[in-house]
Amino acid sequence: MQKLMFAAAFLSLSTLGLVMACDAPADDGGTEGEGEGEGEGEGEGEGEGEAGCGDGPACGADELCTSLFEQQGGGAAPPSCYKTCTAGAACTTKLGITGTCQNGPDGAVCLSESPLNGVCGNAANATCAANASPLCVTLTDPANPAASVSLCARLCTPATPATCAQATLPAAACGCGDPATTGLSCSDDVGLQNGDGFCAPTSAVADACGADQTTGILELCTGTQNCDQATGQCIEAPPAP
């Protein structure tokens, strides 16, 4: 199986009372943070002036173009359309997910909570559940910088799953803990350029893997198992030659 390797940027939800702050280490994220801040800042200003929302189309009559997330190093992440609602009430996001109406910087909008390895960020109208991760990681394919996805992630080093290379991250976002207690193991199906993988529920052979289009969760194979892209199931990795 071909491993997917990504560059990473880190988002924090600090405009609301929900804190998902993390400081990305300068050697891994400093350059990315500067590049994203310059490019996204210019693009947002031009796009909003032309009645679009960030890089997307204009919002609907019951939607608001806003950003609830900050990039590493400061500055708002690219905005997206959120459903407007009554603060404190149950609501449904633009993706059809049940959420809670939160007061944002530009008005009350609907925000859902995602589990571990579920989508998050402005485009998903979602933050990370408290028991999932305090970290929303934006993954960008270096071969296709325009394509990115943000996930609620706990990072881990495959050789030592209780740790991660991103040593300055919040403790709850670094390492999988004791699998017997957390039910999590380290997966290298998807990895960062620094070698970190992602914690995921410990998998078994023939478990489903890949992106679940219904739940928005990236299901990963852990330990010595890999995701067979042909079948969408976990298989034991062949021994190294």
C-alpha atoms as a PDB file:
ATOM      1  CA  MET A   1       0.000   0.000   0.000  1.00  0.00           C
ATOM      2  CA  GLN A   2       1.236   3.499  -0.784  1.00  0.00           C
ATOM      3  CA  LYS A   3       1.475   5.571   2.377  1.00  0.00           C
ATOM      4  CA  LEU A   4      -0.016   9.056   2.275  1.00  0.00           C
ATOM      5  CA  MET A   5       2.320  11.727   3.628  1.00  0.00           C
ATOM      6  CA  PHE A   6       1.177  15.254   4.353  1.00  0.00           C
ATOM      7  CA  ALA A   7       2.363  18.631   5.482  1.00  0.00           C
ATOM      8  CA  ALA A   8       0.447  19.821   8.527  1.00  0.00           C
ATOM      9  CA  ALA A   9      -0.859  23.087   9.916  1.00  0.00           C
ATOM     10  CA  PHE A  10      -2.617  23.434  13.251  1.00  0.00           C
ATOM     11  CA  LEU A  11      -5.853  25.274  13.960  1.00  0.00           C
ATOM     12  CA  SER A  12      -7.201  26.496  17.279  1.00  0.00           C
ATOM     13  CA  LEU A  13     -10.759  27.479  18.098  1.00  0.00           C
ATOM     14  CA  SER A  14     -10.188  30.479  20.309  1.00  0.00           C
ATOM     15  CA  THR A  15     -12.877  32.932  19.244  1.00  0.00           C
ATOM     16  CA  LEU A  16     -15.416  30.941  21.273  1.00  0.00           C
ATOM     17  CA  GLY A  17     -15.234  29.779  24.860  1.00  0.00           C
ATOM     18  CA  LEU A  18     -14.077  26.384  23.548  1.00  0.00           C
ATOM     19  CA  VAL A  19     -10.303  26.259  23.668  1.00  0.00           C
ATOM     20  CA  MET A  20      -8.346  23.998  21.308  1.00  0.00           C
ATOM     21  CA  ALA A  21      -5.084  25.912  21.472  1.00  0.00           C
ATOM     22  CA  CYS A  22      -1.787  24.385  20.484  1.00  0.00           C
ATOM     23  CA  ASP A  23       1.598  25.799  19.605  1.00  0.00           C
ATOM     24  CA  ALA A  24       3.153  24.129  16.586  1.00  0.00           C
ATOM     25  CA  PRO A  25       6.938  23.747  16.789  1.00  0.00           C
ATOM     26  CA  ALA A  26       8.800  26.270  14.685  1.00  0.00           C
ATOM     27  CA  ASP A  27      10.871  23.655  12.872  1.00  0.00           C
ATOM     28  CA  ASP A  28       7.769  21.875  11.570  1.00  0.00           C
ATOM     29  CA  GLY A  29       5.228  24.618  11.128  1.00  0.00           C
ATOM     30  CA  GLY A  30       6.922  28.012  11.017  1.00  0.00           C
ATOM     31  CA  THR A  31       7.328  28.190   7.262  1.00  0.00           C
ATOM     32  CA  GLU A  32       3.886  26.742   6.626  1.00  0.00           C
ATOM     33  CA  GLY A  33       2.308  29.243   8.952  1.00  0.00           C
ATOM     34  CA  GLU A  34       3.888  32.184   7.161  1.00  0.00           C
ATOM     35  CA  GLY A  35       2.949  30.878   3.706  1.00  0.00           C
ATOM     36  CA  GLU A  36      -0.626  30.192   4.669  1.00  0.00           C
ATOM     37  CA  GLY A  37      -1.051  33.529   6.380  1.00  0.00           C
ATOM     38  CA  GLU A  38       0.113  35.521   3.390  1.00  0.00           C
ATOM     39  CA  GLY A  39      -1.704  33.554   0.697  1.00  0.00           C
ATOM     40  CA  GLU A  40      -4.932  33.055   2.583  1.00  0.00           C
ATOM     41  CA  GLY A  41      -5.080  36.633   3.830  1.00  0.00           C
ATOM     42  CA  GLU A  42      -4.819  38.042   0.346  1.00  0.00           C
ATOM     43  CA  GLY A  43      -7.247  35.512  -1.130  1.00  0.00           C
ATOM     44  CA  GLU A  44      -9.865  36.081   1.548  1.00  0.00           C
ATOM     45  CA  GLY A  45      -9.835  39.827   1.126  1.00  0.00           C
ATOM     46  CA  GLU A  46     -10.327  39.627  -2.623  1.00  0.00           C
ATOM     47  CA  GLY A  47     -12.880  36.808  -2.433  1.00  0.00           C
ATOM     48  CA  GLU A  48     -15.080  38.467   0.162  1.00  0.00           C
ATOM     49  CA  GLY A  49     -15.116  41.666  -1.840  1.00  0.00           C
ATOM     50  CA  GLU A  50     -16.574  39.718  -4.743  1.00  0.00           C
ATOM     51  CA  ALA A  51     -19.530  38.330  -2.771  1.00  0.00           C
ATOM     52  CA  GLY A  52     -17.941  34.903  -2.333  1.00  0.00           C
ATOM     53  CA  CYS A  53     -16.958  33.349   0.988  1.00  0.00           C
ATOM     54  CA  GLY A  54     -13.226  32.657   1.103  1.00  0.00           C
ATOM     55  CA  ASP A  55     -12.444  30.454  -1.870  1.00  0.00           C
ATOM     56  CA  GLY A  56     -16.045  29.257  -2.166  1.00  0.00           C
ATOM     57  CA  PRO A  57     -19.344  30.599  -3.469  1.00  0.00           C
ATOM     58  CA  ALA A  58     -21.480  33.163  -1.719  1.00  0.00           C
ATOM     59  CA  CYS A  59     -23.423  32.020   1.351  1.00  0.00           C
ATOM     60  CA  GLY A  60     -27.160  31.375   1.325  1.00  0.00           C
ATOM     61  CA  ALA A  61     -29.769  33.660   2.853  1.00  0.00           C
ATOM     62  CA  ASP A  62     -29.712  31.651   6.121  1.00  0.00           C
ATOM     63  CA  GLU A  63     -25.906  31.442   6.266  1.00  0.00           C
ATOM     64  CA  LEU A  64     -23.066  33.628   7.484  1.00  0.00           C
ATOM     65  CA  CYS A  65     -19.535  33.852   6.080  1.00  0.00           C
ATOM     66  CA  THR A  66     -17.167  33.788   9.035  1.00  0.00           C
ATOM     67  CA  SER A  67     -14.081  32.164  10.535  1.00  0.00           C
ATOM     68  CA  LEU A  68     -14.130  30.621  14.002  1.00  0.00           C
ATOM     69  CA  PHE A  69     -10.621  29.188  13.784  1.00  0.00           C
ATOM     70  CA  GLU A  70      -7.151  30.685  14.010  1.00  0.00           C
ATOM     71  CA  GLN A  71      -4.049  29.434  12.230  1.00  0.00           C
ATOM     72  CA  GLN A  72      -0.846  28.566  13.981  1.00  0.00           C
ATOM     73  CA  GLY A  73       1.085  31.745  14.528  1.00  0.00           C
ATOM     74  CA  GLY A  74      -2.100  33.829  14.563  1.00  0.00           C
ATOM     75  CA  GLY A  75      -4.515  35.101  11.959  1.00  0.00           C
ATOM     76  CA  ALA A  76      -7.921  33.775  11.006  1.00  0.00           C
ATOM     77  CA  ALA A  77      -8.182  30.560   9.009  1.00  0.00           C
ATOM     78  CA  PRO A  78     -10.017  30.838   5.652  1.00  0.00           C
ATOM     79  CA  PRO A  79     -13.717  31.539   6.289  1.00  0.00           C
ATOM     80  CA  SER A  80     -16.632  29.372   5.297  1.00  0.00           C
ATOM     81  CA  CYS A  81     -20.420  29.548   5.298  1.00  0.00           C
ATOM     82  CA  TYR A  82     -22.147  28.616   8.564  1.00  0.00           C
ATOM     83  CA  LYS A  83     -25.863  28.229   9.187  1.00  0.00           C
ATOM     84  CA  THR A  84     -27.244  31.050  11.320  1.00  0.00           C
ATOM     85  CA  CYS A  85     -29.292  30.124  14.380  1.00  0.00           C
ATOM     86  CA  THR A  86     -30.449  31.153  17.851  1.00  0.00           C
ATOM     87  CA  ALA A  87     -27.596  31.070  20.384  1.00  0.00           C
ATOM     88  CA  GLY A  88     -27.764  28.094  22.725  1.00  0.00           C
ATOM     89  CA  ALA A  89     -30.350  26.181  20.699  1.00  0.00           C
ATOM     90  CA  ALA A  90     -29.925  22.880  18.888  1.00  0.00           C
ATOM     91  CA  CYS A  91     -29.357  23.345  15.165  1.00  0.00           C
ATOM     92  CA  THR A  92     -28.232  21.637  11.968  1.00  0.00           C
ATOM     93  CA  THR A  93     -25.014  22.591  10.184  1.00  0.00           C
ATOM     94  CA  LYS A  94     -24.766  23.177   6.434  1.00  0.00           C
ATOM     95  CA  LEU A  95     -23.527  19.568   6.162  1.00  0.00           C
ATOM     96  CA  GLY A  96     -26.695  18.240   7.826  1.00  0.00           C
ATOM     97  CA  ILE A  97     -25.017  17.413  11.171  1.00  0.00           C
ATOM     98  CA  THR A  98     -26.736  18.158  14.471  1.00  0.00           C
ATOM     99  CA  GLY A  99     -24.890  20.872  16.373  1.00  0.00           C
ATOM    100  CA  THR A 100     -25.265  23.634  18.935  1.00  0.00           C
ATOM    101  CA  CYS A 101     -25.674  27.298  18.162  1.00  0.00           C
ATOM    102  CA  GLN A 102     -22.625  29.266  19.343  1.00  0.00           C
ATOM    103  CA  ASN A 103     -21.924  32.985  19.438  1.00  0.00           C
ATOM    104  CA  GLY A 104     -19.136  33.655  16.954  1.00  0.00           C
ATOM    105  CA  PRO A 105     -17.308  36.921  16.171  1.00  0.00           C
ATOM    106  CA  ASP A 106     -19.830  37.879  13.473  1.00  0.00           C
ATOM    107  CA  GLY A 107     -23.022  36.389  14.921  1.00  0.00           C
ATOM    108  CA  ALA A 108     -24.557  33.137  16.155  1.00  0.00           C
ATOM    109  CA  VAL A 109     -23.782  30.100  13.984  1.00  0.00           C
ATOM    110  CA  CYS A 110     -24.281  26.339  14.115  1.00  0.00           C
ATOM    111  CA  LEU A 111     -21.230  24.321  15.149  1.00  0.00           C
ATOM    112  CA  SER A 112     -21.025  20.533  15.525  1.00  0.00           C
ATOM    113  CA  GLU A 113     -18.509  18.356  17.406  1.00  0.00           C
ATOM    114  CA  SER A 114     -16.463  15.679  15.665  1.00  0.00           C
ATOM    115  CA  PRO A 115     -14.939  12.525  17.159  1.00  0.00           C
ATOM    116  CA  LEU A 116     -11.329  11.420  16.796  1.00  0.00           C
ATOM    117  CA  ASN A 117     -10.243  11.542  13.129  1.00  0.00           C
ATOM    118  CA  GLY A 118     -13.488  13.274  12.204  1.00  0.00           C
ATOM    119  CA  VAL A 119     -13.498  16.398  10.045  1.00  0.00           C
ATOM    120  CA  CYS A 120     -13.160  19.779  11.724  1.00  0.00           C
ATOM    121  CA  GLY A 121     -12.502  23.410  10.902  1.00  0.00           C
ATOM    122  CA  ASN A 122     -14.477  26.113   9.151  1.00  0.00           C
ATOM    123  CA  ALA A 123     -15.312  24.114   6.017  1.00  0.00           C
ATOM    124  CA  ALA A 124     -16.772  21.312   8.155  1.00  0.00           C
ATOM    125  CA  ASN A 125     -18.543  23.696  10.546  1.00  0.00           C
ATOM    126  CA  ALA A 126     -17.128  21.503  13.303  1.00  0.00           C
ATOM    127  CA  THR A 127     -14.868  21.576  16.328  1.00  0.00           C
ATOM    128  CA  CYS A 128     -13.424  18.539  18.105  1.00  0.00           C
ATOM    129  CA  ALA A 129     -15.245  16.798  20.932  1.00  0.00           C
ATOM    130  CA  ALA A 130     -13.571  17.151  24.327  1.00  0.00           C
ATOM    131  CA  ASN A 131     -12.886  13.408  24.498  1.00  0.00           C
ATOM    132  CA  ALA A 132     -11.486  13.299  20.948  1.00  0.00           C
ATOM    133  CA  SER A 133      -8.579  15.723  20.685  1.00  0.00           C
ATOM    134  CA  PRO A 134      -7.771  19.372  21.395  1.00  0.00           C
ATOM    135  CA  LEU A 135      -6.136  19.553  17.985  1.00  0.00           C
ATOM    136  CA  CYS A 136      -7.600  20.243  14.547  1.00  0.00           C
ATOM    137  CA  VAL A 137      -4.895  19.363  12.016  1.00  0.00           C
ATOM    138  CA  THR A 138      -5.090  20.561   8.433  1.00  0.00           C
ATOM    139  CA  LEU A 139      -3.423  18.048   6.116  1.00  0.00           C
ATOM    140  CA  THR A 140      -2.158  19.240   2.753  1.00  0.00           C
ATOM    141  CA  ASP A 141      -0.776  16.971   0.051  1.00  0.00           C
ATOM    142  CA  PRO A 142       2.558  18.531  -1.052  1.00  0.00           C
ATOM    143  CA  ALA A 143       1.846  17.246  -4.575  1.00  0.00           C
ATOM    144  CA  ASN A 144      -1.529  19.003  -4.603  1.00  0.00           C
ATOM    145  CA  PRO A 145      -1.423  22.018  -2.261  1.00  0.00           C
ATOM    146  CA  ALA A 146      -4.966  23.057  -3.209  1.00  0.00           C
ATOM    147  CA  ALA A 147      -6.357  19.862  -1.672  1.00  0.00           C
ATOM    148  CA  SER A 148      -6.567  19.783   2.107  1.00  0.00           C
ATOM    149  CA  VAL A 149      -8.674  18.272   4.867  1.00  0.00           C
ATOM    150  CA  SER A 150      -8.803  19.041   8.586  1.00  0.00           C
ATOM    151  CA  LEU A 151      -9.171  16.254  11.159  1.00  0.00           C
ATOM    152  CA  CYS A 152      -9.468  15.991  14.944  1.00  0.00           C
ATOM    153  CA  ALA A 153      -6.168  14.236  15.547  1.00  0.00           C
ATOM    154  CA  ARG A 154      -3.935  12.733  18.192  1.00  0.00           C
ATOM    155  CA  LEU A 155      -0.430  12.318  16.790  1.00  0.00           C
ATOM    156  CA  CYS A 156       1.849   9.387  17.580  1.00  0.00           C
ATOM    157  CA  THR A 157       5.230   7.964  16.675  1.00  0.00           C
ATOM    158  CA  PRO A 158       4.674   4.470  15.192  1.00  0.00           C
ATOM    159  CA  ALA A 159       7.741   2.998  16.924  1.00  0.00           C
ATOM    160  CA  THR A 160       6.728   4.457  20.306  1.00  0.00           C
ATOM    161  CA  PRO A 161       2.960   5.064  20.163  1.00  0.00           C
ATOM    162  CA  ALA A 162       2.780   6.689  23.595  1.00  0.00           C
ATOM    163  CA  THR A 163       4.771   9.652  22.250  1.00  0.00           C
ATOM    164  CA  CYS A 164       4.829  11.953  19.226  1.00  0.00           C
ATOM    165  CA  ALA A 165       7.512  13.956  17.475  1.00  0.00           C
ATOM    166  CA  GLN A 166       5.530  17.171  17.981  1.00  0.00           C
ATOM    167  CA  ALA A 167       6.795  17.495  21.535  1.00  0.00           C
ATOM    168  CA  THR A 168       5.221  20.906  22.225  1.00  0.00           C
ATOM    169  CA  LEU A 169       1.638  19.822  21.557  1.00  0.00           C
ATOM    170  CA  PRO A 170      -0.937  19.518  24.351  1.00  0.00           C
ATOM    171  CA  ALA A 171      -0.573  16.214  26.195  1.00  0.00           C
ATOM    172  CA  ALA A 172      -4.046  15.116  25.076  1.00  0.00           C
ATOM    173  CA  ALA A 173      -2.961  15.450  21.436  1.00  0.00           C
ATOM    174  CA  CYS A 174       0.376  13.624  21.680  1.00  0.00           C
ATOM    175  CA  GLY A 175       0.553   9.829  21.954  1.00  0.00           C
ATOM    176  CA  CYS A 176      -2.144   7.172  22.133  1.00  0.00           C
ATOM    177  CA  GLY A 177      -1.742   6.260  25.795  1.00  0.00           C
ATOM    178  CA  ASP A 178      -2.185   2.698  27.020  1.00  0.00           C
ATOM    179  CA  PRO A 179      -4.270   0.812  24.418  1.00  0.00           C
ATOM    180  CA  ALA A 180      -5.843  -1.254  27.199  1.00  0.00           C
ATOM    181  CA  THR A 181      -7.217   1.969  28.695  1.00  0.00           C
ATOM    182  CA  THR A 182      -7.756   4.247  25.703  1.00  0.00           C
ATOM    183  CA  GLY A 183      -8.579   1.616  23.066  1.00  0.00           C
ATOM    184  CA  LEU A 184      -6.219   3.479  20.725  1.00  0.00           C
ATOM    185  CA  SER A 185      -3.165   2.365  18.760  1.00  0.00           C
ATOM    186  CA  CYS A 186      -0.884   4.164  16.316  1.00  0.00           C
ATOM    187  CA  SER A 187      -1.545   4.079  12.573  1.00  0.00           C
ATOM    188  CA  ASP A 188       0.876   5.000   9.805  1.00  0.00           C
ATOM    189  CA  ASP A 189      -1.719   4.693   7.027  1.00  0.00           C
ATOM    190  CA  VAL A 190      -1.621   8.486   6.944  1.00  0.00           C
ATOM    191  CA  GLY A 191       1.414  10.311   8.241  1.00  0.00           C
ATOM    192  CA  LEU A 192       3.105  13.652   8.577  1.00  0.00           C
ATOM    193  CA  GLN A 193       6.387  14.554   6.967  1.00  0.00           C
ATOM    194  CA  ASN A 194       8.115  14.420  10.373  1.00  0.00           C
ATOM    195  CA  GLY A 195       7.199  10.724  10.715  1.00  0.00           C
ATOM    196  CA  ASP A 196       4.237  11.023  13.059  1.00  0.00           C
ATOM    197  CA  GLY A 197       1.161   8.899  12.474  1.00  0.00           C
ATOM    198  CA  PHE A 198      -2.368   9.155  13.866  1.00  0.00           C
ATOM    199  CA  CYS A 199      -3.950   7.467  16.854  1.00  0.00           C
ATOM    200  CA  ALA A 200      -7.066   5.463  15.984  1.00  0.00           C
ATOM    201  CA  PRO A 201      -9.226   2.772  17.579  1.00  0.00           C
ATOM    202  CA  THR A 202      -7.226  -0.467  17.570  1.00  0.00           C
ATOM    203  CA  SER A 203      -8.128  -2.268  14.352  1.00  0.00           C
ATOM    204  CA  ALA A 204      -8.638  -5.928  13.466  1.00  0.00           C
ATOM    205  CA  VAL A 205      -8.112  -7.682  10.139  1.00  0.00           C
ATOM    206  CA  ALA A 206     -11.075  -7.071   7.789  1.00  0.00           C
ATOM    207  CA  ASP A 207     -12.186  -3.919   9.615  1.00  0.00           C
ATOM    208  CA  ALA A 208     -13.383  -1.185   7.262  1.00  0.00           C
ATOM    209  CA  CYS A 209     -10.845   1.544   6.515  1.00  0.00           C
ATOM    210  CA  GLY A 210     -10.685   4.750   4.538  1.00  0.00           C
ATOM    211  CA  ALA A 211     -12.846   7.862   4.556  1.00  0.00           C
ATOM    212  CA  ASP A 212     -16.414   7.195   5.662  1.00  0.00           C
ATOM    213  CA  GLN A 213     -18.502   9.494   3.486  1.00  0.00           C
ATOM    214  CA  THR A 214     -21.480   9.225   5.844  1.00  0.00           C
ATOM    215  CA  THR A 215     -19.812  10.045   9.159  1.00  0.00           C
ATOM    216  CA  GLY A 216     -16.865  12.091   7.887  1.00  0.00           C
ATOM    217  CA  ILE A 217     -14.470   9.936   9.930  1.00  0.00           C
ATOM    218  CA  LEU A 218     -11.167   8.682   8.541  1.00  0.00           C
ATOM    219  CA  GLU A 219     -11.021   5.031   9.608  1.00  0.00           C
ATOM    220  CA  LEU A 220      -7.435   3.805   9.953  1.00  0.00           C
ATOM    221  CA  CYS A 221      -5.640   0.492  10.378  1.00  0.00           C
ATOM    222  CA  THR A 222      -3.276   0.347  13.322  1.00  0.00           C
ATOM    223  CA  GLY A 223      -0.152  -1.501  14.406  1.00  0.00           C
ATOM    224  CA  THR A 224       1.126  -3.934  11.767  1.00  0.00           C
ATOM    225  CA  GLN A 225      -2.005  -3.603   9.617  1.00  0.00           C
ATOM    226  CA  ASN A 226      -2.437  -1.493   6.495  1.00  0.00           C
ATOM    227  CA  CYS A 227      -5.516  -0.324   4.639  1.00  0.00           C
ATOM    228  CA  ASP A 228      -6.028  -2.268   1.404  1.00  0.00           C
ATOM    229  CA  GLN A 229      -7.381   0.410  -0.905  1.00  0.00           C
ATOM    230  CA  ALA A 230      -8.812  -2.179  -3.289  1.00  0.00           C
ATOM    231  CA  THR A 231     -11.111  -3.736  -0.670  1.00  0.00           C
ATOM    232  CA  GLY A 232     -11.388  -0.932   1.879  1.00  0.00           C
ATOM    233  CA  GLN A 233     -10.383  -3.350   4.639  1.00  0.00           C
ATOM    234  CA  CYS A 234      -7.481  -3.731   7.055  1.00  0.00           C
ATOM    235  CA  ILE A 235      -4.940  -6.407   6.162  1.00  0.00           C
ATOM    236  CA  GLU A 236      -1.725  -7.577   7.806  1.00  0.00           C
ATOM    237  CA  ALA A 237       1.206  -5.809   6.228  1.00  0.00           C
ATOM    238  CA  PRO A 238       3.588  -8.137   4.378  1.00  0.00           C
ATOM    239  CA  PRO A 239       6.931  -8.650   6.162  1.00  0.00           C
ATOM    240  CA  ALA A 240       9.751  -6.359   5.181  1.00  0.00           C
ATOM    241  CA  PRO A 241      12.068  -7.881   2.545  1.00  0.00           C
END
